[in-house]
N, C-alpha and C. Protein backbone atom coordinates (compact mmCIF):
# COMPACT_ATOMS: atom_id res chain seq x y z
N GLU A 1 -7.51 -24.18 -7.90
CA GLU A 1 -8.81 -23.55 -7.91
C GLU A 1 -8.78 -22.22 -7.09
N ARG A 2 -8.10 -22.19 -5.98
CA ARG A 2 -8.07 -20.98 -5.11
C ARG A 2 -6.57 -20.59 -4.84
N THR A 3 -6.26 -19.32 -4.97
CA THR A 3 -4.97 -18.81 -4.81
C THR A 3 -4.95 -17.62 -3.94
N ILE A 4 -3.90 -17.42 -3.13
CA ILE A 4 -3.62 -16.18 -2.48
C ILE A 4 -2.29 -15.66 -2.98
N TYR A 5 -2.36 -14.56 -3.76
CA TYR A 5 -1.20 -13.95 -4.34
C TYR A 5 -0.60 -13.07 -3.25
N LEU A 6 0.71 -13.12 -3.03
CA LEU A 6 1.45 -12.27 -2.06
C LEU A 6 2.66 -11.62 -2.76
N ASP A 7 2.76 -10.33 -2.60
CA ASP A 7 3.96 -9.64 -3.06
C ASP A 7 5.20 -10.18 -2.36
N THR A 8 6.33 -10.10 -2.99
CA THR A 8 7.56 -10.62 -2.38
C THR A 8 8.01 -9.78 -1.17
N ASP A 9 7.45 -8.64 -0.95
CA ASP A 9 7.83 -7.81 0.20
C ASP A 9 6.75 -7.84 1.30
N THR A 10 6.00 -8.95 1.37
CA THR A 10 5.06 -9.13 2.43
C THR A 10 5.56 -10.14 3.46
N TYR A 11 5.10 -10.00 4.68
CA TYR A 11 5.50 -10.92 5.78
C TYR A 11 4.21 -11.43 6.45
N VAL A 12 3.96 -12.71 6.34
CA VAL A 12 2.74 -13.30 6.95
C VAL A 12 3.04 -13.66 8.36
N GLN A 13 2.43 -12.92 9.29
CA GLN A 13 2.73 -13.11 10.71
C GLN A 13 1.86 -14.22 11.36
N GLU A 14 0.64 -14.41 10.82
CA GLU A 14 -0.28 -15.37 11.37
C GLU A 14 -0.99 -16.12 10.24
N PRO A 15 -1.60 -17.28 10.52
CA PRO A 15 -2.35 -17.99 9.47
C PRO A 15 -3.44 -17.12 8.86
N ILE A 16 -3.65 -17.27 7.53
CA ILE A 16 -4.67 -16.51 6.81
C ILE A 16 -5.59 -17.45 6.04
N ASP A 17 -5.87 -18.61 6.64
CA ASP A 17 -6.71 -19.59 5.92
C ASP A 17 -8.11 -19.08 5.66
N GLU A 18 -8.52 -18.12 6.48
CA GLU A 18 -9.94 -17.59 6.29
C GLU A 18 -10.08 -16.88 4.93
N LEU A 19 -8.97 -16.45 4.33
CA LEU A 19 -9.04 -15.81 3.05
C LEU A 19 -9.51 -16.83 1.93
N PHE A 20 -9.13 -18.06 2.13
CA PHE A 20 -9.66 -19.13 1.23
C PHE A 20 -11.17 -19.30 1.39
N ASP A 21 -11.58 -19.26 2.65
CA ASP A 21 -13.02 -19.35 2.93
C ASP A 21 -13.81 -18.19 2.35
N LEU A 22 -13.20 -17.04 2.29
CA LEU A 22 -13.84 -15.86 1.70
C LEU A 22 -14.23 -16.10 0.21
N LEU A 23 -13.46 -16.95 -0.43
CA LEU A 23 -13.69 -17.24 -1.83
C LEU A 23 -14.87 -18.13 -2.07
N ASP A 24 -15.53 -18.64 -0.95
CA ASP A 24 -16.81 -19.29 -1.14
C ASP A 24 -17.86 -18.32 -1.67
N GLU A 25 -17.72 -17.04 -1.28
CA GLU A 25 -18.73 -16.06 -1.64
C GLU A 25 -18.30 -15.06 -2.72
N PHE A 26 -16.93 -14.95 -2.88
CA PHE A 26 -16.44 -13.97 -3.83
C PHE A 26 -15.35 -14.62 -4.71
N GLU A 27 -15.13 -14.03 -5.90
CA GLU A 27 -14.10 -14.54 -6.79
C GLU A 27 -12.76 -13.88 -6.56
N PHE A 28 -12.76 -12.70 -5.99
CA PHE A 28 -11.57 -11.88 -5.93
C PHE A 28 -11.69 -10.90 -4.68
N ALA A 29 -10.53 -10.71 -4.02
CA ALA A 29 -10.55 -9.78 -2.88
C ALA A 29 -9.26 -8.98 -2.92
N VAL A 30 -9.33 -7.74 -2.49
CA VAL A 30 -8.18 -6.85 -2.57
C VAL A 30 -8.41 -5.75 -1.56
N ARG A 31 -7.35 -5.19 -1.04
CA ARG A 31 -7.44 -4.11 -0.06
C ARG A 31 -7.48 -2.75 -0.72
N ARG A 32 -8.36 -1.89 -0.18
CA ARG A 32 -8.44 -0.52 -0.75
C ARG A 32 -7.17 0.27 -0.37
N ASN A 33 -6.68 1.06 -1.32
CA ASN A 33 -5.55 1.89 -1.07
C ASN A 33 -5.90 3.04 -0.12
N ARG A 34 -4.93 3.50 0.63
CA ARG A 34 -5.21 4.63 1.53
C ARG A 34 -5.53 5.90 0.79
N ASP A 35 -4.91 6.06 -0.38
CA ASP A 35 -5.20 7.26 -1.22
C ASP A 35 -5.26 6.85 -2.65
N GLU A 36 -5.26 7.79 -3.58
CA GLU A 36 -5.32 7.46 -5.02
C GLU A 36 -4.16 8.04 -5.75
N SER A 37 -2.95 7.78 -5.17
CA SER A 37 -1.70 8.41 -5.68
C SER A 37 -1.27 7.87 -7.03
N HIS A 38 -1.83 6.73 -7.45
CA HIS A 38 -1.36 6.17 -8.72
C HIS A 38 -2.31 6.50 -9.89
N ILE A 39 -3.27 7.37 -9.60
CA ILE A 39 -4.27 7.70 -10.69
C ILE A 39 -3.83 9.06 -11.26
N PRO A 40 -3.33 9.15 -12.52
CA PRO A 40 -2.93 10.41 -13.10
C PRO A 40 -4.19 11.29 -13.49
N THR A 41 -4.01 12.57 -13.39
CA THR A 41 -5.13 13.45 -13.72
C THR A 41 -4.89 14.27 -14.92
N ASP A 42 -3.76 14.06 -15.58
CA ASP A 42 -3.36 14.93 -16.68
C ASP A 42 -3.10 14.17 -18.02
N ARG A 43 -3.66 12.92 -18.10
CA ARG A 43 -3.46 12.12 -19.31
C ARG A 43 -4.76 11.61 -19.81
N SER A 44 -5.11 12.02 -21.05
CA SER A 44 -6.38 11.60 -21.66
C SER A 44 -6.35 10.21 -22.15
N ASP A 45 -5.13 9.61 -22.34
CA ASP A 45 -5.03 8.25 -22.83
C ASP A 45 -4.88 7.24 -21.74
N ASP A 46 -5.00 7.60 -20.49
CA ASP A 46 -4.82 6.69 -19.36
C ASP A 46 -6.01 5.74 -19.29
N PRO A 47 -5.77 4.47 -18.90
CA PRO A 47 -6.91 3.55 -18.79
C PRO A 47 -7.93 3.94 -17.70
N ASN A 48 -7.53 4.83 -16.78
CA ASN A 48 -8.45 5.28 -15.70
C ASN A 48 -9.50 6.25 -16.23
N VAL A 49 -9.35 6.80 -17.45
CA VAL A 49 -10.30 7.65 -18.00
C VAL A 49 -11.59 6.93 -18.18
N GLY A 50 -12.68 7.49 -17.68
CA GLY A 50 -13.99 6.83 -17.76
C GLY A 50 -14.39 6.02 -16.53
N VAL A 51 -13.46 5.84 -15.62
CA VAL A 51 -13.74 5.16 -14.34
C VAL A 51 -14.32 6.20 -13.39
N SER A 52 -15.40 5.83 -12.77
CA SER A 52 -16.12 6.79 -11.83
C SER A 52 -15.16 7.24 -10.73
N ASP A 53 -15.27 8.54 -10.39
CA ASP A 53 -14.47 9.07 -9.29
C ASP A 53 -14.90 8.39 -7.96
N ALA A 54 -16.04 7.77 -7.89
CA ALA A 54 -16.49 7.16 -6.69
C ALA A 54 -15.86 5.73 -6.47
N PHE A 55 -15.14 5.27 -7.50
CA PHE A 55 -14.55 3.93 -7.51
C PHE A 55 -13.12 4.11 -6.97
N PRO A 56 -12.73 3.42 -5.90
CA PRO A 56 -11.41 3.66 -5.26
C PRO A 56 -10.29 2.97 -6.03
N GLU A 57 -9.07 3.27 -5.53
CA GLU A 57 -7.91 2.55 -6.01
C GLU A 57 -7.59 1.45 -4.99
N PHE A 58 -7.00 0.38 -5.46
CA PHE A 58 -6.73 -0.81 -4.61
C PHE A 58 -5.23 -1.14 -4.62
N ASN A 59 -4.77 -1.77 -3.59
CA ASN A 59 -3.39 -2.19 -3.50
C ASN A 59 -3.28 -3.69 -3.82
N SER A 60 -2.34 -4.00 -4.66
CA SER A 60 -2.26 -5.35 -5.26
C SER A 60 -1.28 -6.26 -4.46
N GLY A 61 -0.93 -5.91 -3.24
CA GLY A 61 0.07 -6.71 -2.53
C GLY A 61 -0.43 -8.00 -1.97
N VAL A 62 -1.73 -8.14 -1.75
CA VAL A 62 -2.37 -9.38 -1.28
C VAL A 62 -3.67 -9.55 -1.99
N ILE A 63 -3.77 -10.64 -2.75
CA ILE A 63 -5.00 -10.86 -3.56
C ILE A 63 -5.41 -12.33 -3.51
N PRO A 64 -6.45 -12.66 -2.76
CA PRO A 64 -7.03 -14.00 -2.84
C PRO A 64 -7.95 -14.04 -4.11
N TYR A 65 -7.85 -15.08 -4.85
CA TYR A 65 -8.80 -15.18 -6.00
C TYR A 65 -9.13 -16.60 -6.31
N ARG A 66 -10.24 -16.76 -6.99
CA ARG A 66 -10.71 -18.08 -7.42
C ARG A 66 -10.59 -18.17 -8.89
N SER A 67 -10.20 -19.35 -9.41
CA SER A 67 -10.00 -19.53 -10.83
C SER A 67 -11.32 -19.68 -11.55
N THR A 68 -11.76 -18.55 -12.14
CA THR A 68 -13.03 -18.56 -12.94
C THR A 68 -12.74 -17.81 -14.25
N SER A 69 -13.67 -17.98 -15.16
CA SER A 69 -13.47 -17.29 -16.49
C SER A 69 -13.47 -15.76 -16.28
N ALA A 70 -14.29 -15.26 -15.35
CA ALA A 70 -14.31 -13.81 -15.13
C ALA A 70 -13.01 -13.30 -14.57
N VAL A 71 -12.42 -14.05 -13.65
CA VAL A 71 -11.09 -13.66 -13.10
C VAL A 71 -10.00 -13.74 -14.13
N THR A 72 -10.04 -14.77 -14.95
CA THR A 72 -9.10 -14.82 -16.08
C THR A 72 -9.20 -13.60 -17.00
N ASP A 73 -10.41 -13.21 -17.32
CA ASP A 73 -10.64 -12.03 -18.15
C ASP A 73 -10.06 -10.75 -17.45
N LEU A 74 -10.32 -10.70 -16.16
CA LEU A 74 -9.81 -9.57 -15.43
C LEU A 74 -8.28 -9.46 -15.41
N LEU A 75 -7.63 -10.63 -15.16
CA LEU A 75 -6.17 -10.61 -15.13
C LEU A 75 -5.57 -10.29 -16.50
N GLU A 76 -6.21 -10.78 -17.56
CA GLU A 76 -5.72 -10.47 -18.89
C GLU A 76 -5.93 -9.00 -19.22
N ALA A 77 -7.02 -8.44 -18.82
CA ALA A 77 -7.25 -7.01 -19.03
C ALA A 77 -6.26 -6.13 -18.24
N TRP A 78 -6.00 -6.57 -17.03
CA TRP A 78 -5.04 -5.93 -16.18
C TRP A 78 -3.65 -5.88 -16.83
N GLU A 79 -3.23 -7.03 -17.34
CA GLU A 79 -1.91 -7.16 -17.99
C GLU A 79 -1.85 -6.26 -19.27
N ARG A 80 -2.93 -6.23 -20.04
CA ARG A 80 -2.91 -5.47 -21.31
C ARG A 80 -2.81 -3.96 -20.99
N GLN A 81 -3.42 -3.53 -19.89
CA GLN A 81 -3.46 -2.09 -19.59
C GLN A 81 -2.27 -1.64 -18.76
N CYS A 82 -1.43 -2.53 -18.27
CA CYS A 82 -0.26 -2.19 -17.47
C CYS A 82 0.94 -1.90 -18.43
N LEU A 83 1.17 -0.62 -18.68
CA LEU A 83 2.12 -0.20 -19.72
C LEU A 83 3.50 0.06 -19.09
N PRO A 84 4.60 0.02 -19.87
CA PRO A 84 5.93 0.14 -19.33
C PRO A 84 6.14 1.41 -18.57
N ASP A 85 5.45 2.53 -18.94
CA ASP A 85 5.70 3.81 -18.30
C ASP A 85 4.87 3.97 -16.98
N HIS A 86 4.08 2.97 -16.67
CA HIS A 86 3.31 3.02 -15.44
C HIS A 86 4.24 2.79 -14.27
N GLU A 87 4.18 3.58 -13.26
CA GLU A 87 5.04 3.44 -12.09
C GLU A 87 4.59 2.29 -11.17
N SER A 88 3.34 1.90 -11.30
CA SER A 88 2.77 0.83 -10.46
C SER A 88 1.69 0.11 -11.18
N ASP A 89 1.57 -1.21 -10.91
CA ASP A 89 0.50 -1.96 -11.53
C ASP A 89 -0.86 -1.67 -11.00
N GLN A 90 -0.90 -0.92 -9.85
CA GLN A 90 -2.23 -0.53 -9.28
C GLN A 90 -2.92 0.45 -10.19
N ARG A 91 -2.17 1.16 -10.97
CA ARG A 91 -2.73 2.16 -11.87
C ARG A 91 -3.68 1.51 -12.89
N SER A 92 -3.33 0.32 -13.35
CA SER A 92 -4.14 -0.39 -14.32
C SER A 92 -5.11 -1.39 -13.65
N LEU A 93 -4.84 -1.78 -12.44
CA LEU A 93 -5.78 -2.68 -11.73
C LEU A 93 -7.14 -2.01 -11.57
N ARG A 94 -7.15 -0.74 -11.21
CA ARG A 94 -8.41 -0.07 -10.99
C ARG A 94 -9.35 -0.12 -12.19
N PRO A 95 -8.94 0.33 -13.38
CA PRO A 95 -9.88 0.20 -14.50
C PRO A 95 -10.25 -1.19 -14.88
N ALA A 96 -9.27 -2.10 -14.76
CA ALA A 96 -9.51 -3.51 -15.11
C ALA A 96 -10.61 -4.10 -14.23
N LEU A 97 -10.53 -3.79 -12.94
CA LEU A 97 -11.52 -4.25 -11.97
C LEU A 97 -12.88 -3.56 -12.16
N TYR A 98 -12.79 -2.29 -12.45
CA TYR A 98 -14.01 -1.55 -12.71
C TYR A 98 -14.90 -2.05 -13.82
N HIS A 99 -14.19 -2.44 -14.88
CA HIS A 99 -14.90 -2.92 -16.09
C HIS A 99 -15.11 -4.42 -16.12
N SER A 100 -14.70 -5.11 -15.07
CA SER A 100 -14.83 -6.57 -15.05
C SER A 100 -16.24 -6.97 -14.52
N SER A 101 -16.48 -8.28 -14.63
CA SER A 101 -17.72 -8.85 -14.12
C SER A 101 -17.51 -9.69 -12.89
N VAL A 102 -16.28 -9.63 -12.28
CA VAL A 102 -16.02 -10.47 -11.12
C VAL A 102 -16.77 -10.00 -9.90
N THR A 103 -17.10 -10.93 -9.05
CA THR A 103 -17.63 -10.57 -7.70
C THR A 103 -16.47 -10.41 -6.80
N PHE A 104 -16.26 -9.19 -6.22
CA PHE A 104 -15.08 -8.99 -5.40
C PHE A 104 -15.48 -8.24 -4.12
N THR A 105 -14.59 -8.30 -3.12
CA THR A 105 -14.80 -7.58 -1.88
C THR A 105 -13.50 -6.98 -1.44
N ALA A 106 -13.61 -6.01 -0.57
CA ALA A 106 -12.40 -5.32 0.01
C ALA A 106 -11.93 -6.02 1.28
N LEU A 107 -10.61 -6.19 1.30
CA LEU A 107 -9.95 -6.80 2.49
C LEU A 107 -9.73 -5.76 3.55
N PRO A 108 -9.84 -6.11 4.82
CA PRO A 108 -9.44 -5.22 5.92
C PRO A 108 -7.90 -4.93 5.85
N ASN A 109 -7.51 -3.81 6.38
CA ASN A 109 -6.13 -3.41 6.39
C ASN A 109 -5.19 -4.44 7.05
N ARG A 110 -5.72 -5.17 7.99
CA ARG A 110 -4.84 -6.16 8.74
C ARG A 110 -4.37 -7.28 7.86
N TYR A 111 -4.93 -7.42 6.63
CA TYR A 111 -4.46 -8.48 5.77
C TYR A 111 -3.49 -7.95 4.74
N ASN A 112 -3.20 -6.66 4.78
CA ASN A 112 -2.21 -6.04 3.86
C ASN A 112 -1.82 -4.68 4.43
N CYS A 113 -1.10 -4.75 5.53
CA CYS A 113 -0.81 -3.53 6.30
C CYS A 113 0.52 -2.92 5.81
N ILE A 114 0.42 -1.80 5.08
CA ILE A 114 1.65 -1.12 4.63
C ILE A 114 2.02 -0.15 5.76
N TYR A 115 2.84 -0.64 6.63
CA TYR A 115 3.10 0.01 7.92
C TYR A 115 3.98 1.23 7.77
N ARG A 116 4.54 1.53 6.64
CA ARG A 116 5.35 2.77 6.47
C ARG A 116 4.44 3.99 6.19
N ASN A 117 3.17 3.73 5.93
CA ASN A 117 2.21 4.84 5.61
C ASN A 117 1.22 4.98 6.73
N ASP A 118 0.89 6.24 7.12
CA ASP A 118 -0.10 6.48 8.16
C ASP A 118 -1.41 5.85 7.74
N ASN A 119 -2.09 5.22 8.72
CA ASN A 119 -3.36 4.58 8.43
C ASN A 119 -4.01 4.14 9.72
N VAL A 120 -5.09 3.35 9.62
CA VAL A 120 -5.79 2.87 10.80
C VAL A 120 -6.00 1.35 10.62
N VAL A 121 -5.96 0.60 11.71
CA VAL A 121 -6.09 -0.87 11.62
C VAL A 121 -6.88 -1.31 12.82
N ASN A 122 -7.58 -2.42 12.63
CA ASN A 122 -8.43 -3.01 13.71
C ASN A 122 -8.05 -4.51 13.82
N LYS A 123 -7.99 -5.00 15.09
CA LYS A 123 -7.61 -6.37 15.37
C LYS A 123 -6.13 -6.58 15.06
N ARG A 124 -5.67 -7.88 15.19
CA ARG A 124 -4.25 -8.18 15.01
C ARG A 124 -3.92 -8.17 13.51
N ILE A 125 -2.78 -7.58 13.20
CA ILE A 125 -2.32 -7.52 11.79
C ILE A 125 -1.76 -8.93 11.47
N LYS A 126 -2.20 -9.46 10.37
CA LYS A 126 -1.75 -10.80 9.91
C LYS A 126 -0.74 -10.76 8.78
N VAL A 127 -0.80 -9.73 7.96
CA VAL A 127 0.15 -9.63 6.84
C VAL A 127 0.71 -8.18 6.82
N PHE A 128 2.04 -8.14 7.04
CA PHE A 128 2.73 -6.84 6.98
C PHE A 128 3.38 -6.71 5.59
N HIS A 129 3.23 -5.50 5.06
CA HIS A 129 3.70 -5.20 3.68
C HIS A 129 4.80 -4.17 3.73
N GLY A 130 6.06 -4.57 3.25
CA GLY A 130 7.24 -3.80 3.33
C GLY A 130 7.36 -2.59 2.38
N PRO A 131 8.52 -2.43 1.76
CA PRO A 131 9.69 -3.30 1.59
C PRO A 131 10.30 -3.69 2.93
N LEU A 132 10.74 -4.95 2.98
CA LEU A 132 11.19 -5.56 4.25
C LEU A 132 12.64 -5.25 4.53
N LEU A 133 13.49 -5.07 3.50
CA LEU A 133 14.93 -4.97 3.68
C LEU A 133 15.51 -3.63 3.46
N ASP A 134 14.97 -2.82 2.51
CA ASP A 134 15.52 -1.56 2.15
C ASP A 134 15.04 -0.48 3.13
N ARG A 135 15.82 -0.16 4.12
CA ARG A 135 15.38 0.83 5.14
C ARG A 135 15.16 2.23 4.55
N CYS A 136 15.88 2.62 3.53
CA CYS A 136 15.72 3.90 2.97
C CYS A 136 14.35 4.02 2.26
N LYS A 137 13.85 2.90 1.72
CA LYS A 137 12.54 2.98 1.09
C LYS A 137 11.42 2.77 2.11
N ASN A 138 11.68 1.96 3.11
CA ASN A 138 10.61 1.61 4.06
C ASN A 138 10.62 2.46 5.32
N ARG A 139 11.78 2.87 5.75
CA ARG A 139 11.96 3.69 6.98
C ARG A 139 11.75 2.97 8.27
N ILE A 140 10.70 2.11 8.32
CA ILE A 140 10.33 1.44 9.53
C ILE A 140 10.80 0.00 9.50
N GLU A 141 11.52 -0.46 10.52
CA GLU A 141 11.97 -1.86 10.54
C GLU A 141 10.80 -2.77 10.86
N LEU A 142 10.80 -3.93 10.23
CA LEU A 142 9.71 -4.90 10.42
C LEU A 142 9.58 -5.26 11.89
N ARG A 143 10.65 -5.50 12.59
CA ARG A 143 10.57 -5.89 14.03
C ARG A 143 9.85 -4.83 14.84
N GLU A 144 10.14 -3.58 14.50
CA GLU A 144 9.44 -2.45 15.23
C GLU A 144 7.94 -2.46 14.95
N ALA A 145 7.61 -2.72 13.71
CA ALA A 145 6.20 -2.72 13.33
C ALA A 145 5.48 -3.91 14.00
N LEU A 146 6.06 -5.05 14.02
CA LEU A 146 5.50 -6.23 14.67
C LEU A 146 5.27 -5.96 16.17
N ARG A 147 6.24 -5.38 16.80
CA ARG A 147 6.13 -5.11 18.25
C ARG A 147 5.08 -4.04 18.59
N LYS A 148 5.08 -2.95 17.86
CA LYS A 148 4.23 -1.85 18.20
C LYS A 148 2.77 -2.01 17.72
N LEU A 149 2.64 -2.47 16.48
CA LEU A 149 1.25 -2.53 15.92
C LEU A 149 0.42 -3.64 16.47
N ASN A 150 1.00 -4.72 16.88
CA ASN A 150 0.21 -5.85 17.43
C ASN A 150 0.27 -5.88 18.96
N ALA A 151 0.68 -4.76 19.57
CA ALA A 151 0.62 -4.69 21.05
C ALA A 151 -0.83 -4.56 21.56
N SER A 152 -1.71 -4.16 20.63
CA SER A 152 -3.13 -4.03 20.95
C SER A 152 -3.97 -4.56 19.78
N GLU A 153 -5.17 -4.97 20.09
CA GLU A 153 -6.14 -5.44 19.03
C GLU A 153 -7.22 -4.43 18.86
N ALA A 154 -7.21 -3.31 19.62
CA ALA A 154 -8.24 -2.30 19.44
C ALA A 154 -8.05 -1.48 18.12
N CYS A 155 -9.08 -0.82 17.73
CA CYS A 155 -8.95 0.04 16.56
C CYS A 155 -7.96 1.19 16.85
N ARG A 156 -6.90 1.26 16.02
CA ARG A 156 -5.82 2.17 16.36
C ARG A 156 -5.27 2.85 15.10
N VAL A 157 -4.85 4.10 15.32
CA VAL A 157 -4.22 4.86 14.18
C VAL A 157 -2.74 4.82 14.37
N TYR A 158 -1.98 4.63 13.28
CA TYR A 158 -0.55 4.64 13.36
C TYR A 158 0.04 5.64 12.43
N TYR A 159 1.21 6.23 12.87
CA TYR A 159 1.84 7.30 12.15
C TYR A 159 3.32 6.97 12.02
N THR A 160 3.93 7.51 10.99
CA THR A 160 5.39 7.48 10.86
C THR A 160 5.90 8.88 10.76
N TYR A 161 6.94 9.15 11.57
CA TYR A 161 7.67 10.41 11.50
C TYR A 161 9.18 10.08 11.44
N GLY A 162 9.80 10.52 10.36
CA GLY A 162 11.17 10.12 10.18
C GLY A 162 11.29 8.58 10.03
N ASN A 163 12.11 7.92 10.86
CA ASN A 163 12.25 6.51 10.81
C ASN A 163 11.61 5.81 11.98
N THR A 164 10.58 6.45 12.57
CA THR A 164 9.96 5.97 13.80
C THR A 164 8.45 5.79 13.62
N LEU A 165 7.97 4.69 14.13
CA LEU A 165 6.52 4.40 14.03
C LEU A 165 5.86 4.71 15.39
N PHE A 166 4.70 5.38 15.30
CA PHE A 166 3.89 5.71 16.49
C PHE A 166 2.51 5.11 16.35
N VAL A 167 1.99 4.65 17.40
CA VAL A 167 0.62 4.12 17.45
C VAL A 167 -0.14 4.88 18.51
N ASP A 168 -1.12 5.67 18.18
CA ASP A 168 -1.95 6.42 19.08
C ASP A 168 -1.23 6.80 20.44
N PRO A 169 -1.03 8.03 20.75
CA PRO A 169 -1.35 9.17 19.91
C PRO A 169 -0.17 9.62 19.05
N SER A 170 -0.42 10.62 18.24
CA SER A 170 0.63 11.21 17.42
C SER A 170 1.63 11.94 18.33
N PRO A 171 2.94 11.95 17.93
CA PRO A 171 3.92 12.67 18.73
C PRO A 171 3.69 14.21 18.66
N THR A 172 4.27 14.89 19.60
CA THR A 172 4.16 16.37 19.64
C THR A 172 4.92 16.96 18.45
N PHE A 173 4.64 18.23 18.22
CA PHE A 173 5.30 18.93 17.07
C PHE A 173 6.83 19.00 17.26
N PRO A 174 7.37 19.30 18.44
CA PRO A 174 8.83 19.28 18.60
C PRO A 174 9.41 17.89 18.34
N ALA A 175 8.67 16.86 18.76
CA ALA A 175 9.12 15.49 18.54
C ALA A 175 9.15 15.15 17.04
N LYS A 176 8.11 15.63 16.32
CA LYS A 176 8.12 15.41 14.91
C LYS A 176 9.31 15.98 14.21
N LEU A 177 9.72 17.25 14.59
CA LEU A 177 10.88 17.87 14.04
C LEU A 177 12.13 17.03 14.33
N TRP A 178 12.25 16.54 15.53
CA TRP A 178 13.37 15.71 15.95
C TRP A 178 13.48 14.47 15.11
N TYR A 179 12.34 13.77 14.89
CA TYR A 179 12.40 12.51 14.16
C TYR A 179 12.63 12.75 12.67
N ARG A 180 12.18 13.92 12.12
CA ARG A 180 12.47 14.28 10.77
C ARG A 180 14.01 14.49 10.60
N GLY A 181 14.54 15.13 11.63
CA GLY A 181 16.00 15.40 11.60
C GLY A 181 16.78 14.07 11.60
N LEU A 182 16.30 13.12 12.40
CA LEU A 182 17.01 11.82 12.45
C LEU A 182 16.91 11.12 11.03
N GLN A 183 15.74 11.32 10.44
CA GLN A 183 15.56 10.70 9.08
C GLN A 183 16.56 11.32 8.08
N LEU A 184 16.73 12.66 8.13
CA LEU A 184 17.64 13.32 7.19
C LEU A 184 19.05 12.88 7.46
N ARG A 185 19.35 12.72 8.76
CA ARG A 185 20.74 12.21 9.10
C ARG A 185 21.00 10.85 8.46
N ASP A 186 20.02 9.93 8.60
CA ASP A 186 20.17 8.59 8.01
C ASP A 186 20.27 8.64 6.47
N LEU A 187 19.47 9.51 5.87
CA LEU A 187 19.54 9.67 4.38
C LEU A 187 20.88 10.14 3.96
N VAL A 188 21.44 11.16 4.60
CA VAL A 188 22.72 11.72 4.23
C VAL A 188 23.82 10.64 4.39
N SER A 189 23.70 9.87 5.51
CA SER A 189 24.67 8.85 5.74
C SER A 189 24.64 7.79 4.63
N ASP A 190 23.43 7.43 4.15
CA ASP A 190 23.27 6.35 3.22
C ASP A 190 23.42 6.82 1.77
N ARG A 191 22.81 7.98 1.44
CA ARG A 191 22.73 8.43 0.06
C ARG A 191 23.72 9.57 -0.28
N GLY A 192 24.21 10.31 0.72
CA GLY A 192 25.06 11.44 0.44
C GLY A 192 24.25 12.72 0.41
N VAL A 193 24.95 13.86 0.48
CA VAL A 193 24.26 15.14 0.58
C VAL A 193 23.50 15.49 -0.68
N ARG A 194 24.11 15.28 -1.85
CA ARG A 194 23.47 15.69 -3.11
C ARG A 194 22.17 14.92 -3.37
N GLU A 195 22.25 13.59 -3.23
CA GLU A 195 21.03 12.79 -3.48
C GLU A 195 19.96 13.10 -2.47
N THR A 196 20.37 13.29 -1.21
CA THR A 196 19.43 13.66 -0.15
C THR A 196 18.70 14.99 -0.52
N ALA A 197 19.50 15.96 -0.93
CA ALA A 197 18.92 17.24 -1.38
C ALA A 197 17.94 17.07 -2.49
N ASP A 198 18.22 16.23 -3.47
CA ASP A 198 17.32 15.99 -4.56
C ASP A 198 16.02 15.34 -4.08
N LEU A 199 16.13 14.36 -3.12
CA LEU A 199 14.96 13.73 -2.56
C LEU A 199 14.09 14.70 -1.82
N VAL A 200 14.70 15.59 -1.02
CA VAL A 200 13.96 16.53 -0.25
C VAL A 200 13.27 17.54 -1.16
N PHE A 201 13.98 17.99 -2.20
CA PHE A 201 13.37 18.94 -3.18
C PHE A 201 12.22 18.28 -3.87
N SER A 202 12.36 17.01 -4.30
CA SER A 202 11.27 16.29 -4.94
C SER A 202 10.06 16.15 -4.05
N ALA A 203 10.32 15.81 -2.78
CA ALA A 203 9.18 15.64 -1.83
C ALA A 203 8.46 16.94 -1.59
N VAL A 204 9.22 18.03 -1.45
CA VAL A 204 8.60 19.35 -1.23
C VAL A 204 7.78 19.79 -2.46
N SER A 205 8.35 19.56 -3.63
CA SER A 205 7.65 19.92 -4.87
C SER A 205 6.38 19.13 -5.01
N GLU A 206 6.40 17.83 -4.69
CA GLU A 206 5.23 16.99 -4.78
C GLU A 206 4.12 17.46 -3.82
N SER A 207 4.57 17.83 -2.60
CA SER A 207 3.56 18.26 -1.60
C SER A 207 2.90 19.59 -1.97
N LEU A 208 3.65 20.47 -2.72
CA LEU A 208 3.09 21.73 -3.10
C LEU A 208 2.17 21.64 -4.33
N GLY A 209 2.34 20.52 -5.09
CA GLY A 209 1.52 20.32 -6.24
C GLY A 209 1.95 21.15 -7.41
N PRO A 210 1.25 21.03 -8.57
CA PRO A 210 1.62 21.77 -9.76
C PRO A 210 1.41 23.24 -9.60
N GLY A 211 2.19 23.98 -10.39
CA GLY A 211 1.97 25.45 -10.38
C GLY A 211 3.10 26.17 -9.70
């Protein structure tokens, strides 16, 4: 009747039984994404066409849900709209959820903390979201995230620079350059000069945008 779906790259640090209790009031729960990076703006055939700009994107790493006909319809619509060329299933989750009749709520970041991305969190983090093993993809080791992020329960902002995690305040500009340099060193060591150069070029091009 009640399920908590967890991505394979999540780490449950503390009990999350209260998510089952949440389903007394809602059929579905999901955490809002930090940004809307999976929503294309240049395709007229994308399932996100027609979804209000005021409706956010969600991360599918942790989803408590109750077995109801509305949830079944949502999951089937999500599957239909998730096409092979989509880089992420979150791209199709947004329109499926927007057009569904399920009662849903947003989860706090502490139940699905993607600690490799800058964000804000309140109280103790219960579910850490990786990748847990591939350091080149994740940059931040899980043990470092556990130690630093749960050292406080206050509302706190966390940042990543290079392969290092910071929790309030942000490092100084010279320190940022230093940690970026360490990240480049690790990439060259793991991927080689040519692939590292391709990754850097791709990241710079993406930050500059089209044009």
